[in-house]
């Protein structure tokens, strides 16, 4: 499982090990405890694996206005998100398909 450094905690690592998932959570430095060179190298190795997914969410936030959810209703938010994902996929299809 890959995750941002905001999710880094010992309890999450233990839960992932208990459930049999691989640990792809980026490490975060703590107060008065910087990252070791091995942890920095690990974070740098995880970036190429995470960046394609992060690019999709960045586009949804930048181009489709998903910095905040617009509705108070979960069903409406889900519908808006799915429509934005469909629009993103249609746009990517036009960009990727040969002319």
PDB file of N, CA and C in Angstrom:
ATOM      1  N   UNK A   1       0.841  -1.159   0.000  1.00  0.00           N
ATOM      2  CA  UNK A   1       0.000   0.000   0.000  1.00  0.00           C
ATOM      3  C   UNK A   1       0.895   1.233   0.000  1.00  0.00           C
ATOM      4  N   UNK A   2       0.624   2.142  -0.899  1.00  0.00           N
ATOM      5  CA  UNK A   2       1.390   3.381  -0.988  1.00  0.00           C
ATOM      6  C   UNK A   2       0.582   4.501  -0.358  1.00  0.00           C
ATOM      7  N   UNK A   3       1.262   5.372   0.381  1.00  0.00           N
ATOM      8  CA  UNK A   3       0.568   6.485   1.027  1.00  0.00           C
ATOM      9  C   UNK A   3       1.530   7.639   1.239  1.00  0.00           C
ATOM     10  N   UNK A   4       0.955   8.793   1.417  1.00  0.00           N
ATOM     11  CA  UNK A   4       1.698  10.015   1.666  1.00  0.00           C
ATOM     12  C   UNK A   4       2.312   9.982   3.057  1.00  0.00           C
ATOM     13  N   UNK A   5       3.276  10.858   3.307  1.00  0.00           N
ATOM     14  CA  UNK A   5       3.911  10.859   4.623  1.00  0.00           C
ATOM     15  C   UNK A   5       2.996  11.342   5.731  1.00  0.00           C
ATOM     16  N   UNK A   6       1.865  11.924   5.387  1.00  0.00           N
ATOM     17  CA  UNK A   6       0.896  12.325   6.400  1.00  0.00           C
ATOM     18  C   UNK A   6       0.282  11.132   7.126  1.00  0.00           C
ATOM     19  N   UNK A   7       0.359   9.945   6.527  1.00  0.00           N
ATOM     20  CA  UNK A   7      -0.206   8.741   7.136  1.00  0.00           C
ATOM     21  C   UNK A   7       0.823   7.929   7.909  1.00  0.00           C
ATOM     22  N   UNK A   8       2.062   8.387   7.950  1.00  0.00           N
ATOM     23  CA  UNK A   8       3.131   7.617   8.578  1.00  0.00           C
ATOM     24  C   UNK A   8       2.937   7.522  10.092  1.00  0.00           C
ATOM     25  N   UNK A   9       2.838   6.310  10.579  1.00  0.00           N
ATOM     26  CA  UNK A   9       2.772   6.066  12.025  1.00  0.00           C
ATOM     27  C   UNK A   9       3.169   4.613  12.278  1.00  0.00           C
ATOM     28  N   UNK A  10       3.619   4.361  13.476  1.00  0.00           N
ATOM     29  CA  UNK A  10       4.008   3.000  13.847  1.00  0.00           C
ATOM     30  C   UNK A  10       2.788   2.076  13.835  1.00  0.00           C
ATOM     31  N   UNK A  11       1.650   2.572  14.300  1.00  0.00           N
ATOM     32  CA  UNK A  11       0.451   1.723  14.350  1.00  0.00           C
ATOM     33  C   UNK A  11      -0.003   1.327  12.949  1.00  0.00           C
ATOM     34  N   UNK A  12       0.121   2.222  11.969  1.00  0.00           N
ATOM     35  CA  UNK A  12      -0.251   1.872  10.601  1.00  0.00           C
ATOM     36  C   UNK A  12       0.705   0.827  10.038  1.00  0.00           C
ATOM     37  N   UNK A  13       1.997   0.984  10.291  1.00  0.00           N
ATOM     38  CA  UNK A  13       2.960  -0.017   9.817  1.00  0.00           C
ATOM     39  C   UNK A  13       2.665  -1.384  10.409  1.00  0.00           C
ATOM     40  N   UNK A  14       2.335  -1.426  11.702  1.00  0.00           N
ATOM     41  CA  UNK A  14       2.009  -2.700  12.344  1.00  0.00           C
ATOM     42  C   UNK A  14       0.738  -3.301  11.759  1.00  0.00           C
ATOM     43  N   UNK A  15      -0.265  -2.466  11.484  1.00  0.00           N
ATOM     44  CA  UNK A  15      -1.510  -2.959  10.898  1.00  0.00           C
ATOM     45  C   UNK A  15      -1.266  -3.522   9.504  1.00  0.00           C
ATOM     46  N   UNK A  16      -0.467  -2.837   8.704  1.00  0.00           N
ATOM     47  CA  UNK A  16      -0.150  -3.340   7.365  1.00  0.00           C
ATOM     48  C   UNK A  16       0.562  -4.689   7.435  1.00  0.00           C
ATOM     49  N   UNK A  17       1.508  -4.826   8.361  1.00  0.00           N
ATOM     50  CA  UNK A  17       2.224  -6.093   8.516  1.00  0.00           C
ATOM     51  C   UNK A  17       1.283  -7.197   8.977  1.00  0.00           C
ATOM     52  N   UNK A  18       0.368  -6.839   9.867  1.00  0.00           N
ATOM     53  CA  UNK A  18      -0.590  -7.821  10.382  1.00  0.00           C
ATOM     54  C   UNK A  18      -1.528  -8.304   9.281  1.00  0.00           C
ATOM     55  N   UNK A  19      -1.939  -7.399   8.401  1.00  0.00           N
ATOM     56  CA  UNK A  19      -2.861  -7.751   7.315  1.00  0.00           C
ATOM     57  C   UNK A  19      -2.149  -8.340   6.107  1.00  0.00           C
ATOM     58  N   UNK A  20      -0.813  -8.311   6.099  1.00  0.00           N
ATOM     59  CA  UNK A  20      -0.055  -8.892   5.002  1.00  0.00           C
ATOM     60  C   UNK A  20       0.159  -7.959   3.823  1.00  0.00           C
ATOM     61  N   UNK A  21      -0.006  -6.653   4.008  1.00  0.00           N
ATOM     62  CA  UNK A  21       0.218  -5.682   2.939  1.00  0.00           C
ATOM     63  C   UNK A  21       1.654  -5.199   2.973  1.00  0.00           C
ATOM     64  N   UNK A  22       2.171  -4.841   1.808  1.00  0.00           N
ATOM     65  CA  UNK A  22       3.494  -4.238   1.736  1.00  0.00           C
ATOM     66  C   UNK A  22       3.436  -2.802   2.230  1.00  0.00           C
ATOM     67  N   UNK A  23       4.514  -2.335   2.814  1.00  0.00           N
ATOM     68  CA  UNK A  23       4.560  -0.993   3.383  1.00  0.00           C
ATOM     69  C   UNK A  23       5.163  -0.031   2.376  1.00  0.00           C
ATOM     70  N   UNK A  24       4.319   0.777   1.737  1.00  0.00           N
ATOM     71  CA  UNK A  24       4.772   1.797   0.801  1.00  0.00           C
ATOM     72  C   UNK A  24       4.494   3.191   1.324  1.00  0.00           C
ATOM     73  N   UNK A  25       4.345   3.327   2.642  1.00  0.00           N
ATOM     74  CA  UNK A  25       4.060   4.625   3.247  1.00  0.00           C
ATOM     75  C   UNK A  25       5.366   5.407   3.353  1.00  0.00           C
ATOM     76  N   UNK A  26       5.348   6.625   2.853  1.00  0.00           N
ATOM     77  CA  UNK A  26       6.553   7.449   2.922  1.00  0.00           C
ATOM     78  C   UNK A  26       6.830   7.824   4.373  1.00  0.00           C
ATOM     79  N   UNK A  27       8.095   7.950   4.702  1.00  0.00           N
ATOM     80  CA  UNK A  27       8.492   8.272   6.076  1.00  0.00           C
ATOM     81  C   UNK A  27       8.496   9.778   6.285  1.00  0.00           C
ATOM     82  N   UNK A  28       8.202  10.190   7.519  1.00  0.00           N
ATOM     83  CA  UNK A  28       8.156  11.601   7.881  1.00  0.00           C
ATOM     84  C   UNK A  28       9.117  11.851   9.029  1.00  0.00           C
ATOM     85  N   UNK A  29       9.840  12.952   8.948  1.00  0.00           N
ATOM     86  CA  UNK A  29      10.725  13.326  10.048  1.00  0.00           C
ATOM     87  C   UNK A  29       9.879  13.855  11.203  1.00  0.00           C
ATOM     88  N   UNK A  30      10.354  13.631  12.410  1.00  0.00           N
ATOM     89  CA  UNK A  30       9.677  14.126  13.600  1.00  0.00           C
ATOM     90  C   UNK A  30      10.533  15.192  14.262  1.00  0.00           C
ATOM     91  N   UNK A  31       9.947  15.891  15.188  1.00  0.00           N
ATOM     92  CA  UNK A  31      10.656  16.957  15.884  1.00  0.00           C
ATOM     93  C   UNK A  31      11.920  16.402  16.548  1.00  0.00           C
ATOM     94  N   UNK A  32      13.035  17.046  16.287  1.00  0.00           N
ATOM     95  CA  UNK A  32      14.341  16.653  16.826  1.00  0.00           C
ATOM     96  C   UNK A  32      14.768  15.247  16.409  1.00  0.00           C
ATOM     97  N   UNK A  33      14.190  14.720  15.338  1.00  0.00           N
ATOM     98  CA  UNK A  33      14.552  13.385  14.859  1.00  0.00           C
ATOM     99  C   UNK A  33      14.467  13.378  13.329  1.00  0.00           C
ATOM    100  N   UNK A  34      15.523  13.829  12.638  1.00  0.00           N
ATOM    101  CA  UNK A  34      15.484  13.880  11.171  1.00  0.00           C
ATOM    102  C   UNK A  34      15.484  12.472  10.566  1.00  0.00           C
ATOM    103  N   UNK A  35      15.130  12.414   9.303  1.00  0.00           N
ATOM    104  CA  UNK A  35      15.153  11.138   8.602  1.00  0.00           C
ATOM    105  C   UNK A  35      16.590  10.665   8.400  1.00  0.00           C
ATOM    106  N   UNK A  36      16.773   9.376   8.466  1.00  0.00           N
ATOM    107  CA  UNK A  36      18.086   8.800   8.179  1.00  0.00           C
ATOM    108  C   UNK A  36      18.301   8.815   6.663  1.00  0.00           C
ATOM    109  N   UNK A  37      19.525   8.710   6.209  1.00  0.00           N
ATOM    110  CA  UNK A  37      19.762   8.662   4.752  1.00  0.00           C
ATOM    111  C   UNK A  37      19.029   7.495   4.071  1.00  0.00           C
ATOM    112  N   UNK A  38      18.861   6.375   4.774  1.00  0.00           N
ATOM    113  CA  UNK A  38      18.134   5.240   4.204  1.00  0.00           C
ATOM    114  C   UNK A  38      16.662   5.582   4.006  1.00  0.00           C
ATOM    115  N   UNK A  39      16.074   6.304   4.973  1.00  0.00           N
ATOM    116  CA  UNK A  39      14.669   6.691   4.853  1.00  0.00           C
ATOM    117  C   UNK A  39      14.462   7.718   3.744  1.00  0.00           C
ATOM    118  N   UNK A  40      15.415   8.630   3.594  1.00  0.00           N
ATOM    119  CA  UNK A  40      15.341   9.607   2.506  1.00  0.00           C
ATOM    120  C   UNK A  40      15.416   8.889   1.158  1.00  0.00           C
ATOM    121  N   UNK A  41      16.331   7.933   1.040  1.00  0.00           N
ATOM    122  CA  UNK A  41      16.460   7.162  -0.203  1.00  0.00           C
ATOM    123  C   UNK A  41      15.191   6.366  -0.470  1.00  0.00           C
ATOM    124  N   UNK A  42      14.588   5.826   0.575  1.00  0.00           N
ATOM    125  CA  UNK A  42      13.334   5.071   0.436  1.00  0.00           C
ATOM    126  C   UNK A  42      12.221   5.974  -0.079  1.00  0.00           C
ATOM    127  N   UNK A  43      12.110   7.177   0.494  1.00  0.00           N
ATOM    128  CA  UNK A  43      11.094   8.121   0.037  1.00  0.00           C
ATOM    129  C   UNK A  43      11.309   8.480  -1.437  1.00  0.00           C
ATOM    130  N   UNK A  44      12.559   8.700  -1.826  1.00  0.00           N
ATOM    131  CA  UNK A  44      12.856   9.036  -3.218  1.00  0.00           C
ATOM    132  C   UNK A  44      12.533   7.869  -4.149  1.00  0.00           C
ATOM    133  N   UNK A  45      12.703   6.646  -3.684  1.00  0.00           N
ATOM    134  CA  UNK A  45      12.380   5.479  -4.505  1.00  0.00           C
ATOM    135  C   UNK A  45      10.872   5.312  -4.678  1.00  0.00           C
ATOM    136  N   UNK A  46      10.084   5.793  -3.715  1.00  0.00           N
ATOM    137  CA  UNK A  46       8.629   5.653  -3.798  1.00  0.00           C
ATOM    138  C   UNK A  46       7.980   6.708  -4.694  1.00  0.00           C
ATOM    139  N   UNK A  47       8.666   7.807  -4.927  1.00  0.00           N
ATOM    140  CA  UNK A  47       8.073   8.909  -5.694  1.00  0.00           C
ATOM    141  C   UNK A  47       7.638   8.481  -7.102  1.00  0.00           C
ATOM    142  N   UNK A  48       8.467   7.787  -7.901  1.00  0.00           N
ATOM    143  CA  UNK A  48       8.019   7.411  -9.249  1.00  0.00           C
ATOM    144  C   UNK A  48       6.817   6.467  -9.244  1.00  0.00           C
ATOM    145  N   UNK A  49       6.639   5.714  -8.187  1.00  0.00           N
ATOM    146  CA  UNK A  49       5.495   4.802  -8.110  1.00  0.00           C
ATOM    147  C   UNK A  49       4.205   5.548  -7.787  1.00  0.00           C
ATOM    148  N   UNK A  50       4.320   6.624  -7.017  1.00  0.00           N
ATOM    149  CA  UNK A  50       3.144   7.362  -6.581  1.00  0.00           C
ATOM    150  C   UNK A  50       2.759   8.493  -7.523  1.00  0.00           C
ATOM    151  N   UNK A  51       3.706   9.024  -8.290  1.00  0.00           N
ATOM    152  CA  UNK A  51       3.443  10.235  -9.065  1.00  0.00           C
ATOM    153  C   UNK A  51       2.357  10.094 -10.136  1.00  0.00           C
ATOM    154  N   UNK A  52       2.199   8.956 -10.837  1.00  0.00           N
ATOM    155  CA  UNK A  52       1.101   8.893 -11.813  1.00  0.00           C
ATOM    156  C   UNK A  52      -0.276   9.041 -11.168  1.00  0.00           C
ATOM    157  N   UNK A  53      -0.454   8.487  -9.993  1.00  0.00           N
ATOM    158  CA  UNK A  53      -1.736   8.593  -9.302  1.00  0.00           C
ATOM    159  C   UNK A  53      -1.928  10.002  -8.761  1.00  0.00           C
ATOM    160  N   UNK A  54      -0.865  10.573  -8.193  1.00  0.00           N
ATOM    161  CA  UNK A  54      -0.952  11.927  -7.670  1.00  0.00           C
ATOM    162  C   UNK A  54      -1.248  12.931  -8.781  1.00  0.00           C
ATOM    163  N   UNK A  55      -0.767  12.666  -9.994  1.00  0.00           N
ATOM    164  CA  UNK A  55      -1.026  13.566 -11.113  1.00  0.00           C
ATOM    165  C   UNK A  55      -2.506  13.628 -11.445  1.00  0.00           C
ATOM    166  N   UNK A  56      -3.196  12.497 -11.350  1.00  0.00           N
ATOM    167  CA  UNK A  56      -4.642  12.475 -11.619  1.00  0.00           C
ATOM    168  C   UNK A  56      -5.377  13.323 -10.590  1.00  0.00           C
ATOM    169  N   UNK A  57      -5.053  13.147  -9.313  1.00  0.00           N
ATOM    170  CA  UNK A  57      -5.731  13.928  -8.281  1.00  0.00           C
ATOM    171  C   UNK A  57      -5.371  15.401  -8.383  1.00  0.00           C
ATOM    172  N   UNK A  58      -4.138  15.713  -8.783  1.00  0.00           N
ATOM    173  CA  UNK A  58      -3.757  17.108  -8.980  1.00  0.00           C
ATOM    174  C   UNK A  58      -4.556  17.755 -10.095  1.00  0.00           C
ATOM    175  N   UNK A  59      -4.779  17.024 -11.185  1.00  0.00           N
ATOM    176  CA  UNK A  59      -5.582  17.547 -12.284  1.00  0.00           C
ATOM    177  C   UNK A  59      -7.030  17.739 -11.857  1.00  0.00           C
ATOM    178  N   UNK A  60      -7.563  16.789 -11.109  1.00  0.00           N
ATOM    179  CA  UNK A  60      -8.939  16.936 -10.625  1.00  0.00           C
ATOM    180  C   UNK A  60      -9.069  18.162  -9.728  1.00  0.00           C
ATOM    181  N   UNK A  61      -8.074  18.420  -8.921  1.00  0.00           N
ATOM    182  CA  UNK A  61      -8.127  19.585  -8.042  1.00  0.00           C
ATOM    183  C   UNK A  61      -7.950  20.880  -8.827  1.00  0.00           C
ATOM    184  N   UNK A  62      -6.960  20.917  -9.723  1.00  0.00           N
ATOM    185  CA  UNK A  62      -6.646  22.136 -10.467  1.00  0.00           C
ATOM    186  C   UNK A  62      -7.696  22.472 -11.514  1.00  0.00           C
ATOM    187  N   UNK A  63      -8.028  21.502 -12.362  1.00  0.00           N
ATOM    188  CA  UNK A  63      -8.862  21.768 -13.529  1.00  0.00           C
ATOM    189  C   UNK A  63     -10.349  21.569 -13.294  1.00  0.00           C
ATOM    190  N   UNK A  64     -10.691  20.720 -12.344  1.00  0.00           N
ATOM    191  CA  UNK A  64     -12.102  20.399 -12.147  1.00  0.00           C
ATOM    192  C   UNK A  64     -12.646  20.904 -10.816  1.00  0.00           C
ATOM    193  N   UNK A  65     -11.869  21.664 -10.085  1.00  0.00           N
ATOM    194  CA  UNK A  65     -12.359  22.326  -8.883  1.00  0.00           C
ATOM    195  C   UNK A  65     -12.605  21.428  -7.688  1.00  0.00           C
ATOM    196  N   UNK A  66     -11.884  20.338  -7.560  1.00  0.00           N
ATOM    197  CA  UNK A  66     -12.107  19.433  -6.439  1.00  0.00           C
ATOM    198  C   UNK A  66     -11.178  19.717  -5.266  1.00  0.00           C
ATOM    199  N   UNK A  67     -11.026  21.004  -4.935  1.00  0.00           N
ATOM    200  CA  UNK A  67     -10.286  21.335  -3.728  1.00  0.00           C
ATOM    201  C   UNK A  67     -11.152  21.112  -2.504  1.00  0.00           C
ATOM    202  N   UNK A  68     -12.457  21.275  -2.689  1.00  0.00           N
ATOM    203  CA  UNK A  68     -13.437  20.980  -1.631  1.00  0.00           C
ATOM    204  C   UNK A  68     -14.647  20.325  -2.273  1.00  0.00           C
ATOM    205  N   UNK A  69     -15.353  19.557  -1.484  1.00  0.00           N
ATOM    206  CA  UNK A  69     -16.579  18.951  -1.996  1.00  0.00           C
ATOM    207  C   UNK A  69     -17.675  20.009  -1.987  1.00  0.00           C
ATOM    208  N   UNK A  70     -18.496  20.010  -2.996  1.00  0.00           N
ATOM    209  CA  UNK A  70     -19.467  21.083  -3.170  1.00  0.00           C
ATOM    210  C   UNK A  70     -20.769  20.871  -2.412  1.00  0.00           C
ATOM    211  N   UNK A  71     -21.112  19.650  -2.137  1.00  0.00           N
ATOM    212  CA  UNK A  71     -22.437  19.344  -1.598  1.00  0.00           C
ATOM    213  C   UNK A  71     -22.339  18.795  -0.185  1.00  0.00           C
ATOM    214  N   UNK A  72     -23.431  18.878   0.541  1.00  0.00           N
ATOM    215  CA  UNK A  72     -23.503  18.300   1.878  1.00  0.00           C
ATOM    216  C   UNK A  72     -23.983  16.856   1.835  1.00  0.00           C
ATOM    217  N   UNK A  73     -24.399  16.402   0.674  1.00  0.00           N
ATOM    218  CA  UNK A  73     -24.949  15.072   0.490  1.00  0.00           C
ATOM    219  C   UNK A  73     -23.865  14.167  -0.106  1.00  0.00           C
ATOM    220  N   UNK A  74     -23.614  13.031   0.513  1.00  0.00           N
ATOM    221  CA  UNK A  74     -22.567  12.123   0.043  1.00  0.00           C
ATOM    222  C   UNK A  74     -22.871  11.584  -1.355  1.00  0.00           C
ATOM    223  N   UNK A  75     -24.125  11.311  -1.650  1.00  0.00           N
ATOM    224  CA  UNK A  75     -24.492  10.789  -2.968  1.00  0.00           C
ATOM    225  C   UNK A  75     -24.218  11.820  -4.055  1.00  0.00           C
ATOM    226  N   UNK A  76     -24.510  13.082  -3.786  1.00  0.00           N
ATOM    227  CA  UNK A  76     -24.235  14.133  -4.770  1.00  0.00           C
ATOM    228  C   UNK A  76     -22.733  14.327  -4.958  1.00  0.00           C
ATOM    229  N   UNK A  77     -21.978  14.275  -3.880  1.00  0.00           N
ATOM    230  CA  UNK A  77     -20.526  14.392  -3.982  1.00  0.00           C
ATOM    231  C   UNK A  77     -19.945  13.241  -4.790  1.00  0.00           C
ATOM    232  N   UNK A  78     -20.441  12.034  -4.568  1.00  0.00           N
ATOM    233  CA  UNK A  78     -19.964  10.877  -5.319  1.00  0.00           C
ATOM    234  C   UNK A  78     -20.293  11.037  -6.796  1.00  0.00           C
ATOM    235  N   UNK A  79     -21.510  11.486  -7.105  1.00  0.00           N
ATOM    236  CA  UNK A  79     -21.904  11.690  -8.497  1.00  0.00           C
ATOM    237  C   UNK A  79     -21.021  12.737  -9.164  1.00  0.00           C
ATOM    238  N   UNK A  80     -20.772  13.850  -8.486  1.00  0.00           N
ATOM    239  CA  UNK A  80     -19.923  14.904  -9.049  1.00  0.00           C
ATOM    240  C   UNK A  80     -18.506  14.387  -9.276  1.00  0.00           C
ATOM    241  N   UNK A  81     -17.991  13.612  -8.332  1.00  0.00           N
ATOM    242  CA  UNK A  81     -16.643  13.063  -8.470  1.00  0.00           C
ATOM    243  C   UNK A  81     -16.567  12.083  -9.637  1.00  0.00           C
ATOM    244  N   UNK A  82     -17.553  11.206  -9.772  1.00  0.00           N
ATOM    245  CA  UNK A  82     -17.548  10.239 -10.872  1.00  0.00           C
ATOM    246  C   UNK A  82     -17.672  10.931 -12.224  1.00  0.00           C
ATOM    247  N   UNK A  83     -18.484  11.981 -12.300  1.00  0.00           N
ATOM    248  CA  UNK A  83     -18.596  12.731 -13.550  1.00  0.00           C
ATOM    249  C   UNK A  83     -17.271  13.414 -13.894  1.00  0.00           C
ATOM    250  N   UNK A  84     -16.594  13.951 -12.893  1.00  0.00           N
ATOM    251  CA  UNK A  84     -15.299  14.574 -13.133  1.00  0.00           C
ATOM    252  C   UNK A  84     -14.283  13.532 -13.596  1.00  0.00           C
ATOM    253  N   UNK A  85     -14.318  12.350 -13.009  1.00  0.00           N
ATOM    254  CA  UNK A  85     -13.411  11.278 -13.435  1.00  0.00           C
ATOM    255  C   UNK A  85     -13.698  10.858 -14.876  1.00  0.00           C
ATOM    256  N   UNK A  86     -14.977  10.796 -15.247  1.00  0.00           N
ATOM    257  CA  UNK A  86     -15.323  10.467 -16.635  1.00  0.00           C
ATOM    258  C   UNK A  86     -14.820  11.545 -17.587  1.00  0.00           C
ATOM    259  N   UNK A  87     -15.003  12.808 -17.210  1.00  0.00           N
ATOM    260  CA  UNK A  87     -14.513  13.909 -18.048  1.00  0.00           C
ATOM    261  C   UNK A  87     -12.990  13.837 -18.185  1.00  0.00           C
ATOM    262  N   UNK A  88     -12.314  13.533 -17.099  1.00  0.00           N
ATOM    263  CA  UNK A  88     -10.850  13.393 -17.130  1.00  0.00           C
ATOM    264  C   UNK A  88     -10.457  12.266 -18.085  1.00  0.00           C
ATOM    265  N   UNK A  89     -11.135  11.124 -17.990  1.00  0.00           N
ATOM    266  CA  UNK A  89     -10.799   9.990 -18.852  1.00  0.00           C
ATOM    267  C   UNK A  89     -11.079  10.302 -20.323  1.00  0.00           C
ATOM    268  N   UNK A  90     -12.169  11.014 -20.620  1.00  0.00           N
ATOM    269  CA  UNK A  90     -12.450  11.392 -22.005  1.00  0.00           C
ATOM    270  C   UNK A  90     -11.375  12.344 -22.541  1.00  0.00           C
ATOM    271  N   UNK A  91     -10.970  13.278 -21.710  1.00  0.00           N
ATOM    272  CA  UNK A  91      -9.930  14.221 -22.109  1.00  0.00           C
ATOM    273  C   UNK A  91      -8.597  13.504 -22.345  1.00  0.00           C
ATOM    274  N   UNK A  92      -8.245  12.579 -21.458  1.00  0.00           N
ATOM    275  CA  UNK A  92      -7.001  11.816 -21.622  1.00  0.00           C
ATOM    276  C   UNK A  92      -7.059  10.931 -22.868  1.00  0.00           C
ATOM    277  N   UNK A  93      -8.227  10.392 -23.153  1.00  0.00           N
ATOM    278  CA  UNK A  93      -8.382   9.556 -24.337  1.00  0.00           C
ATOM    279  C   UNK A  93      -8.101  10.362 -25.597  1.00  0.00           C
ATOM    280  N   UNK A  94      -8.594  11.598 -25.635  1.00  0.00           N
ATOM    281  CA  UNK A  94      -8.322  12.440 -26.795  1.00  0.00           C
ATOM    282  C   UNK A  94      -6.831  12.771 -26.898  1.00  0.00           C
ATOM    283  N   UNK A  95      -6.185  12.967 -25.777  1.00  0.00           N
ATOM    284  CA  UNK A  95      -4.766  13.298 -25.794  1.00  0.00           C
ATOM    285  C   UNK A  95      -3.905  12.101 -26.172  1.00  0.00           C
ATOM    286  N   UNK A  96      -4.320  10.901 -25.785  1.00  0.00           N
ATOM    287  CA  UNK A  96      -3.503   9.706 -26.021  1.00  0.00           C
ATOM    288  C   UNK A  96      -3.751   9.037 -27.351  1.00  0.00           C
ATOM    289  N   UNK A  97      -4.952   9.210 -27.904  1.00  0.00           N
ATOM    290  CA  UNK A  97      -5.265   8.508 -29.162  1.00  0.00           C
ATOM    291  C   UNK A  97      -4.585   9.217 -30.336  1.00  0.00           C
ATOM    292  N   UNK A  98      -4.112   8.446 -31.291  1.00  0.00           N
ATOM    293  CA  UNK A  98      -3.448   9.047 -32.461  1.00  0.00           C
ATOM    294  C   UNK A  98      -4.446   9.832 -33.300  1.00  0.00           C
ATOM    295  N   UNK A  99      -3.971  10.891 -33.909  1.00  0.00           N
ATOM    296  CA  UNK A  99      -4.839  11.765 -34.701  1.00  0.00           C
ATOM    297  C   UNK A  99      -5.152  11.187 -36.043  1.00  0.00           C
TER     298      UNK A  99
END
